[in-house]
Amino acid sequence: MLLEGSCHCHAVRFSVESHEPMPFMRCYCSICRKTAGTGGFAINLGAVNSTLKVVGREHLAVYRATLDDGRRSTGERHFCRLCGTALWLWDPTWPELVHPHAGAVDTPLPEPPSVTHMMLSSKPGWVEAHVKPGDETFDEYPEESLADWHRRHGQAF
């Protein structure tokens, strides 16, 4: 599925092919919440890095988070340096993948049959996790990948 997205000020626009476009996983970790969170969580999608096309690349900046143990994350969080919109994450550990933030995607996204709430141990008290019947919850990272979740739910595009 072709995803098209942009930052809030439209200085950066992108398109990318995604086989995992269903926004099912809500991450409550402090990095996602503070760099891209909405409602106290962020949603990342799975896409093919080689298909990423960017207009306005000169307006991009990259943030690499410091982890709790003091190490720098290998993940590169791309955002618009003009308006601050979080756009996507790329990590050299998995160079073939890119993870657009669902909040930056302008293409209508399919509605997931259930939601996976992850990193709930990092969720602040003021954030309510709207867990519905059929949703899965994890204090840390689930073992199932984005691709595996899509396959298990018959949602691979």
N, C-alpha and C. Protein backbone atom coordinates (compact mmCIF):
# COMPACT_ATOMS: atom_id res chain seq x y z
N MET A 1 0.85 -1.17 0.00
CA MET A 1 0.00 0.00 0.00
C MET A 1 0.89 1.24 0.00
N LEU A 2 0.61 2.16 -0.90
CA LEU A 2 1.38 3.40 -0.95
C LEU A 2 0.89 4.34 0.14
N LEU A 3 1.82 4.78 0.98
CA LEU A 3 1.51 5.75 2.03
C LEU A 3 2.11 7.08 1.64
N GLU A 4 1.33 8.12 1.77
CA GLU A 4 1.82 9.48 1.56
C GLU A 4 1.64 10.23 2.86
N GLY A 5 2.64 11.04 3.20
CA GLY A 5 2.57 11.77 4.45
C GLY A 5 3.27 13.10 4.36
N SER A 6 3.14 13.86 5.43
CA SER A 6 3.75 15.19 5.47
C SER A 6 3.88 15.66 6.91
N CYS A 7 4.66 16.70 7.07
CA CYS A 7 4.73 17.35 8.36
C CYS A 7 3.60 18.37 8.46
N HIS A 8 3.44 18.97 9.61
CA HIS A 8 2.33 19.90 9.82
C HIS A 8 2.43 21.12 8.91
N CYS A 9 3.63 21.64 8.69
CA CYS A 9 3.79 22.85 7.85
C CYS A 9 3.95 22.52 6.37
N HIS A 10 3.96 21.24 6.03
CA HIS A 10 4.06 20.73 4.65
C HIS A 10 5.40 21.03 3.97
N ALA A 11 6.42 21.42 4.76
CA ALA A 11 7.75 21.62 4.19
C ALA A 11 8.37 20.29 3.78
N VAL A 12 7.99 19.20 4.48
CA VAL A 12 8.48 17.86 4.16
C VAL A 12 7.28 17.00 3.79
N ARG A 13 7.41 16.34 2.63
CA ARG A 13 6.38 15.39 2.19
C ARG A 13 7.11 14.10 1.81
N PHE A 14 6.43 12.98 2.02
CA PHE A 14 7.08 11.70 1.70
C PHE A 14 6.05 10.71 1.18
N SER A 15 6.57 9.70 0.50
CA SER A 15 5.76 8.55 0.11
C SER A 15 6.63 7.31 0.30
N VAL A 16 5.96 6.19 0.59
CA VAL A 16 6.67 4.94 0.85
C VAL A 16 5.69 3.79 0.68
N GLU A 17 6.19 2.65 0.22
CA GLU A 17 5.38 1.45 0.10
C GLU A 17 5.40 0.70 1.42
N SER A 18 4.23 0.31 1.88
CA SER A 18 4.11 -0.38 3.15
C SER A 18 3.36 -1.69 2.99
N HIS A 19 3.92 -2.75 3.58
CA HIS A 19 3.23 -4.03 3.66
C HIS A 19 2.60 -4.19 5.04
N GLU A 20 2.92 -3.27 5.95
CA GLU A 20 2.39 -3.28 7.32
C GLU A 20 1.82 -1.91 7.66
N PRO A 21 0.70 -1.51 6.99
CA PRO A 21 0.17 -0.16 7.18
C PRO A 21 -0.92 -0.03 8.25
N MET A 22 -1.23 -1.11 8.94
CA MET A 22 -2.33 -1.05 9.89
C MET A 22 -1.82 -0.52 11.23
N PRO A 23 -2.38 0.58 11.72
CA PRO A 23 -1.87 1.20 12.95
C PRO A 23 -2.39 0.50 14.20
N PHE A 24 -1.80 -0.66 14.50
CA PHE A 24 -2.31 -1.51 15.58
C PHE A 24 -1.50 -1.43 16.86
N MET A 25 -0.24 -0.98 16.79
CA MET A 25 0.64 -1.06 17.95
C MET A 25 0.87 0.32 18.54
N ARG A 26 0.49 0.48 19.79
CA ARG A 26 0.68 1.75 20.49
C ARG A 26 1.84 1.59 21.47
N CYS A 27 2.87 2.42 21.28
CA CYS A 27 4.05 2.36 22.14
C CYS A 27 4.00 3.48 23.16
N TYR A 28 4.13 3.12 24.43
CA TYR A 28 4.06 4.08 25.53
C TYR A 28 5.43 4.40 26.11
N CYS A 29 6.52 3.99 25.43
CA CYS A 29 7.86 4.26 25.97
C CYS A 29 8.11 5.76 26.01
N SER A 30 9.02 6.17 26.86
CA SER A 30 9.27 7.61 27.02
C SER A 30 9.81 8.24 25.74
N ILE A 31 10.59 7.50 24.97
CA ILE A 31 11.13 8.07 23.73
C ILE A 31 9.99 8.36 22.75
N CYS A 32 9.14 7.37 22.50
CA CYS A 32 8.02 7.59 21.56
C CYS A 32 7.07 8.66 22.07
N ARG A 33 6.72 8.59 23.36
CA ARG A 33 5.80 9.57 23.92
C ARG A 33 6.33 10.98 23.77
N LYS A 34 7.59 11.17 24.07
CA LYS A 34 8.13 12.53 24.11
C LYS A 34 8.55 13.06 22.74
N THR A 35 8.85 12.18 21.79
CA THR A 35 9.25 12.67 20.48
C THR A 35 8.13 12.65 19.45
N ALA A 36 7.11 11.81 19.66
CA ALA A 36 6.07 11.70 18.64
C ALA A 36 4.71 11.35 19.21
N GLY A 37 4.60 11.32 20.51
CA GLY A 37 3.39 10.81 21.14
C GLY A 37 2.15 11.65 20.92
N THR A 38 1.06 10.97 20.82
CA THR A 38 -0.25 11.58 20.82
C THR A 38 -1.08 10.72 21.74
N GLY A 39 -1.75 11.31 22.69
CA GLY A 39 -2.50 10.53 23.65
C GLY A 39 -1.60 9.75 24.59
N GLY A 40 -0.31 10.11 24.65
CA GLY A 40 0.62 9.42 25.52
C GLY A 40 1.28 8.22 24.87
N PHE A 41 1.09 8.04 23.57
CA PHE A 41 1.69 6.91 22.87
C PHE A 41 1.98 7.32 21.43
N ALA A 42 2.74 6.51 20.73
CA ALA A 42 3.01 6.73 19.31
C ALA A 42 2.73 5.43 18.56
N ILE A 43 2.39 5.56 17.29
CA ILE A 43 2.13 4.40 16.44
C ILE A 43 3.08 4.45 15.25
N ASN A 44 3.88 3.40 15.10
CA ASN A 44 4.79 3.29 13.97
C ASN A 44 4.30 2.19 13.03
N LEU A 45 4.44 2.42 11.75
CA LEU A 45 4.06 1.46 10.72
C LEU A 45 5.32 0.85 10.12
N GLY A 46 5.18 -0.23 9.37
CA GLY A 46 6.31 -0.84 8.70
C GLY A 46 6.28 -0.55 7.21
N ALA A 47 7.43 -0.16 6.65
CA ALA A 47 7.50 0.16 5.22
C ALA A 47 8.86 -0.24 4.67
N VAL A 48 8.98 -0.18 3.34
CA VAL A 48 10.18 -0.59 2.63
C VAL A 48 11.07 0.64 2.40
N ASN A 49 12.21 0.67 3.05
CA ASN A 49 13.08 1.84 2.99
C ASN A 49 13.48 2.23 1.57
N SER A 50 13.74 1.26 0.70
CA SER A 50 14.20 1.57 -0.66
C SER A 50 13.14 2.32 -1.48
N THR A 51 11.89 2.33 -1.01
CA THR A 51 10.82 3.03 -1.74
C THR A 51 10.53 4.42 -1.19
N LEU A 52 11.23 4.81 -0.12
CA LEU A 52 10.98 6.11 0.51
C LEU A 52 11.41 7.24 -0.42
N LYS A 53 10.48 8.11 -0.73
CA LYS A 53 10.75 9.31 -1.53
C LYS A 53 10.41 10.52 -0.67
N VAL A 54 11.32 11.50 -0.64
CA VAL A 54 11.16 12.66 0.23
C VAL A 54 11.29 13.95 -0.56
N VAL A 55 10.36 14.84 -0.38
CA VAL A 55 10.43 16.21 -0.90
C VAL A 55 10.63 17.12 0.30
N GLY A 56 11.60 18.00 0.23
CA GLY A 56 11.88 18.89 1.35
C GLY A 56 12.89 18.32 2.32
N ARG A 57 13.74 17.43 1.81
CA ARG A 57 14.75 16.76 2.65
C ARG A 57 15.62 17.77 3.41
N GLU A 58 15.81 18.95 2.84
CA GLU A 58 16.65 19.96 3.50
C GLU A 58 16.03 20.46 4.82
N HIS A 59 14.77 20.17 5.05
CA HIS A 59 14.10 20.59 6.28
C HIS A 59 14.08 19.50 7.34
N LEU A 60 14.73 18.36 7.07
CA LEU A 60 14.76 17.25 8.01
C LEU A 60 15.87 17.42 9.04
N ALA A 61 15.62 16.92 10.21
CA ALA A 61 16.63 16.76 11.25
C ALA A 61 16.47 15.34 11.79
N VAL A 62 17.51 14.86 12.46
CA VAL A 62 17.51 13.50 13.00
C VAL A 62 17.84 13.56 14.48
N TYR A 63 17.11 12.79 15.26
CA TYR A 63 17.35 12.66 16.68
C TYR A 63 17.66 11.20 17.01
N ARG A 64 18.74 10.99 17.75
CA ARG A 64 19.08 9.66 18.26
C ARG A 64 18.98 9.73 19.78
N ALA A 65 18.06 8.98 20.33
CA ALA A 65 17.76 9.04 21.76
C ALA A 65 18.87 8.42 22.59
N THR A 66 18.99 8.90 23.83
CA THR A 66 19.84 8.26 24.82
C THR A 66 18.98 7.28 25.59
N LEU A 67 19.42 6.03 25.66
CA LEU A 67 18.67 4.98 26.34
C LEU A 67 18.90 5.06 27.85
N ASP A 68 18.08 4.34 28.60
CA ASP A 68 18.16 4.36 30.06
C ASP A 68 19.54 3.97 30.58
N ASP A 69 20.24 3.10 29.84
CA ASP A 69 21.57 2.66 30.29
C ASP A 69 22.69 3.60 29.82
N GLY A 70 22.32 4.73 29.21
CA GLY A 70 23.30 5.72 28.79
C GLY A 70 23.79 5.57 27.36
N ARG A 71 23.52 4.42 26.73
CA ARG A 71 23.92 4.22 25.33
C ARG A 71 23.04 5.06 24.42
N ARG A 72 23.57 5.37 23.23
CA ARG A 72 22.77 6.06 22.21
C ARG A 72 22.01 5.02 21.41
N SER A 73 20.76 5.29 21.13
CA SER A 73 19.94 4.42 20.28
C SER A 73 20.50 4.45 18.87
N THR A 74 20.42 3.33 18.18
CA THR A 74 20.82 3.30 16.77
C THR A 74 19.70 3.85 15.89
N GLY A 75 18.49 3.93 16.43
CA GLY A 75 17.35 4.43 15.68
C GLY A 75 17.47 5.92 15.40
N GLU A 76 17.25 6.28 14.15
CA GLU A 76 17.29 7.69 13.72
C GLU A 76 15.87 8.18 13.52
N ARG A 77 15.43 9.05 14.40
CA ARG A 77 14.08 9.60 14.34
C ARG A 77 14.11 10.88 13.51
N HIS A 78 13.49 10.81 12.34
CA HIS A 78 13.47 11.94 11.42
C HIS A 78 12.27 12.83 11.71
N PHE A 79 12.52 14.14 11.76
CA PHE A 79 11.45 15.08 12.02
C PHE A 79 11.70 16.36 11.24
N CYS A 80 10.64 17.15 11.06
CA CYS A 80 10.76 18.45 10.38
C CYS A 80 11.37 19.44 11.36
N ARG A 81 12.48 20.04 10.97
CA ARG A 81 13.12 21.00 11.86
C ARG A 81 12.40 22.34 11.89
N LEU A 82 11.40 22.54 10.99
CA LEU A 82 10.63 23.78 11.01
C LEU A 82 9.44 23.71 11.95
N CYS A 83 8.69 22.61 11.92
CA CYS A 83 7.49 22.51 12.75
C CYS A 83 7.57 21.43 13.82
N GLY A 84 8.59 20.57 13.77
CA GLY A 84 8.79 19.56 14.81
C GLY A 84 8.05 18.26 14.61
N THR A 85 7.29 18.10 13.52
CA THR A 85 6.54 16.87 13.30
C THR A 85 7.46 15.67 13.19
N ALA A 86 7.17 14.63 13.99
CA ALA A 86 7.88 13.36 13.89
C ALA A 86 7.37 12.65 12.64
N LEU A 87 8.28 12.21 11.76
CA LEU A 87 7.89 11.66 10.46
C LEU A 87 8.13 10.16 10.36
N TRP A 88 9.35 9.70 10.62
CA TRP A 88 9.64 8.28 10.54
C TRP A 88 10.90 7.97 11.34
N LEU A 89 11.05 6.67 11.61
CA LEU A 89 12.24 6.15 12.27
C LEU A 89 12.92 5.19 11.30
N TRP A 90 14.24 5.31 11.20
CA TRP A 90 15.05 4.37 10.43
C TRP A 90 16.17 3.91 11.35
N ASP A 91 16.48 2.61 11.29
CA ASP A 91 17.52 2.04 12.15
C ASP A 91 18.44 1.19 11.29
N PRO A 92 19.76 1.44 11.33
CA PRO A 92 20.69 0.66 10.51
C PRO A 92 20.73 -0.82 10.89
N THR A 93 20.17 -1.18 12.03
CA THR A 93 20.09 -2.59 12.41
C THR A 93 19.20 -3.35 11.42
N TRP A 94 18.18 -2.66 10.89
CA TRP A 94 17.26 -3.22 9.89
C TRP A 94 17.19 -2.23 8.72
N PRO A 95 18.25 -2.14 7.91
CA PRO A 95 18.34 -1.08 6.89
C PRO A 95 17.27 -1.15 5.81
N GLU A 96 16.66 -2.31 5.62
CA GLU A 96 15.64 -2.44 4.58
C GLU A 96 14.28 -1.87 5.01
N LEU A 97 14.14 -1.54 6.30
CA LEU A 97 12.87 -1.06 6.83
C LEU A 97 12.92 0.42 7.17
N VAL A 98 11.76 1.04 7.14
CA VAL A 98 11.57 2.39 7.67
C VAL A 98 10.21 2.37 8.35
N HIS A 99 10.07 3.14 9.41
CA HIS A 99 8.84 3.10 10.20
C HIS A 99 8.20 4.48 10.26
N PRO A 100 7.29 4.76 9.32
CA PRO A 100 6.58 6.05 9.37
C PRO A 100 5.69 6.13 10.60
N HIS A 101 5.59 7.32 11.15
CA HIS A 101 4.66 7.55 12.25
C HIS A 101 3.27 7.70 11.65
N ALA A 102 2.32 6.92 12.18
CA ALA A 102 0.95 6.97 11.65
C ALA A 102 0.39 8.38 11.69
N GLY A 103 0.77 9.17 12.68
CA GLY A 103 0.27 10.54 12.80
C GLY A 103 0.73 11.45 11.68
N ALA A 104 1.79 11.09 10.96
CA ALA A 104 2.29 11.90 9.85
C ALA A 104 1.75 11.43 8.50
N VAL A 105 1.05 10.30 8.49
CA VAL A 105 0.54 9.73 7.24
C VAL A 105 -0.78 10.41 6.87
N ASP A 106 -0.86 10.88 5.62
CA ASP A 106 -2.08 11.53 5.12
C ASP A 106 -3.02 10.56 4.43
N THR A 107 -2.50 9.43 3.98
CA THR A 107 -3.32 8.40 3.33
C THR A 107 -4.25 7.78 4.37
N PRO A 108 -5.52 7.58 4.04
CA PRO A 108 -6.40 6.88 4.99
C PRO A 108 -5.84 5.49 5.29
N LEU A 109 -5.75 5.18 6.57
CA LEU A 109 -5.20 3.90 7.00
C LEU A 109 -6.31 2.92 7.35
N PRO A 110 -6.06 1.63 7.14
CA PRO A 110 -7.07 0.63 7.51
C PRO A 110 -7.23 0.56 9.04
N GLU A 111 -8.44 0.27 9.49
CA GLU A 111 -8.71 0.16 10.92
C GLU A 111 -8.31 -1.22 11.41
N PRO A 112 -7.51 -1.30 12.47
CA PRO A 112 -7.07 -2.62 12.96
C PRO A 112 -8.20 -3.34 13.70
N PRO A 113 -8.20 -4.68 13.62
CA PRO A 113 -9.22 -5.45 14.35
C PRO A 113 -8.98 -5.44 15.86
N SER A 114 -7.75 -5.19 16.26
CA SER A 114 -7.40 -5.10 17.68
C SER A 114 -6.14 -4.24 17.80
N VAL A 115 -5.81 -3.87 19.02
CA VAL A 115 -4.66 -3.01 19.27
C VAL A 115 -3.71 -3.72 20.22
N THR A 116 -2.41 -3.56 19.96
CA THR A 116 -1.38 -4.05 20.85
C THR A 116 -0.82 -2.85 21.60
N HIS A 117 -0.90 -2.89 22.92
CA HIS A 117 -0.37 -1.83 23.77
C HIS A 117 0.95 -2.33 24.33
N MET A 118 2.06 -1.65 23.98
CA MET A 118 3.37 -2.12 24.42
C MET A 118 4.09 -1.06 25.25
N MET A 119 5.05 -1.50 26.01
CA MET A 119 5.85 -0.64 26.90
C MET A 119 4.96 0.04 27.95
N LEU A 120 3.95 -0.71 28.41
CA LEU A 120 3.04 -0.15 29.40
C LEU A 120 3.74 0.15 30.73
N SER A 121 4.87 -0.49 30.98
CA SER A 121 5.62 -0.19 32.21
C SER A 121 6.18 1.23 32.18
N SER A 122 6.23 1.85 31.01
CA SER A 122 6.72 3.23 30.88
C SER A 122 5.60 4.26 30.84
N LYS A 123 4.37 3.81 30.84
CA LYS A 123 3.23 4.70 30.72
C LYS A 123 3.09 5.55 31.98
N PRO A 124 2.98 6.88 31.83
CA PRO A 124 2.75 7.71 33.02
C PRO A 124 1.31 7.54 33.51
N GLY A 125 1.09 7.86 34.77
CA GLY A 125 -0.21 7.68 35.38
C GLY A 125 -1.33 8.47 34.72
N TRP A 126 -1.02 9.62 34.14
CA TRP A 126 -2.07 10.45 33.55
C TRP A 126 -2.59 9.90 32.22
N VAL A 127 -1.85 8.95 31.63
CA VAL A 127 -2.25 8.37 30.35
C VAL A 127 -3.14 7.16 30.60
N GLU A 128 -4.30 7.15 29.98
CA GLU A 128 -5.19 6.00 30.08
C GLU A 128 -5.01 5.13 28.85
N ALA A 129 -4.67 3.87 29.07
CA ALA A 129 -4.58 2.92 27.96
C ALA A 129 -6.00 2.41 27.71
N HIS A 130 -6.54 2.73 26.58
CA HIS A 130 -7.90 2.32 26.23
C HIS A 130 -7.86 0.89 25.69
N VAL A 131 -7.73 -0.06 26.59
CA VAL A 131 -7.63 -1.47 26.23
C VAL A 131 -9.04 -2.03 26.09
N LYS A 132 -9.32 -2.56 24.91
CA LYS A 132 -10.63 -3.14 24.61
C LYS A 132 -10.53 -4.66 24.59
N PRO A 133 -11.66 -5.35 24.68
CA PRO A 133 -11.62 -6.82 24.56
C PRO A 133 -10.94 -7.21 23.24
N GLY A 134 -10.04 -8.16 23.31
CA GLY A 134 -9.30 -8.61 22.13
C GLY A 134 -7.95 -7.92 21.97
N ASP A 135 -7.73 -6.80 22.68
CA ASP A 135 -6.44 -6.12 22.63
C ASP A 135 -5.41 -6.93 23.43
N GLU A 136 -4.15 -6.76 23.07
CA GLU A 136 -3.06 -7.40 23.80
C GLU A 136 -2.26 -6.32 24.53
N THR A 137 -1.72 -6.66 25.69
CA THR A 137 -0.95 -5.70 26.47
C THR A 137 0.40 -6.31 26.84
N PHE A 138 1.43 -5.47 26.84
CA PHE A 138 2.79 -5.90 27.16
C PHE A 138 3.48 -4.81 27.97
N ASP A 139 4.12 -5.20 29.07
CA ASP A 139 4.89 -4.24 29.86
C ASP A 139 6.12 -3.77 29.10
N GLU A 140 6.67 -4.63 28.25
CA GLU A 140 7.85 -4.30 27.44
C GLU A 140 7.50 -4.52 25.97
N TYR A 141 8.49 -4.93 25.16
CA TYR A 141 8.26 -5.19 23.74
C TYR A 141 7.66 -6.59 23.55
N PRO A 142 6.67 -6.72 22.68
CA PRO A 142 6.17 -8.06 22.36
C PRO A 142 7.18 -8.77 21.45
N GLU A 143 7.15 -10.09 21.44
CA GLU A 143 8.05 -10.84 20.57
C GLU A 143 7.60 -10.79 19.12
N GLU A 144 6.30 -10.62 18.89
CA GLU A 144 5.75 -10.63 17.53
C GLU A 144 6.10 -9.34 16.80
N SER A 145 6.60 -9.47 15.57
CA SER A 145 6.97 -8.31 14.77
C SER A 145 5.74 -7.69 14.11
N LEU A 146 5.91 -6.49 13.56
CA LEU A 146 4.84 -5.84 12.79
C LEU A 146 4.38 -6.75 11.66
N ALA A 147 5.34 -7.32 10.93
CA ALA A 147 5.02 -8.19 9.80
C ALA A 147 4.26 -9.43 10.25
N ASP A 148 4.72 -10.04 11.35
CA ASP A 148 4.04 -11.24 11.85
C ASP A 148 2.62 -10.94 12.29
N TRP A 149 2.41 -9.80 12.96
CA TRP A 149 1.07 -9.41 13.38
C TRP A 149 0.16 -9.26 12.17
N HIS A 150 0.62 -8.59 11.14
CA HIS A 150 -0.18 -8.40 9.93
C HIS A 150 -0.53 -9.74 9.27
N ARG A 151 0.45 -10.65 9.20
CA ARG A 151 0.19 -11.97 8.63
C ARG A 151 -0.83 -12.74 9.47
N ARG A 152 -0.65 -12.72 10.79
CA ARG A 152 -1.55 -13.46 11.68
C ARG A 152 -3.00 -12.97 11.55
N HIS A 153 -3.18 -11.68 11.27
CA HIS A 153 -4.52 -11.12 11.14
C HIS A 153 -4.99 -11.05 9.68
N GLY A 154 -4.22 -11.66 8.77
CA GLY A 154 -4.61 -11.65 7.36
C GLY A 154 -4.64 -10.25 6.78
N GLN A 155 -3.73 -9.39 7.26
CA GLN A 155 -3.74 -7.98 6.86
C GLN A 155 -2.47 -7.58 6.10
N ALA A 156 -1.72 -8.52 5.59
CA ALA A 156 -0.50 -8.18 4.83
C ALA A 156 -0.93 -7.60 3.48
N PHE A 157 -0.33 -6.48 3.13
CA PHE A 157 -0.69 -5.78 1.89
C PHE A 157 0.37 -6.01 0.84
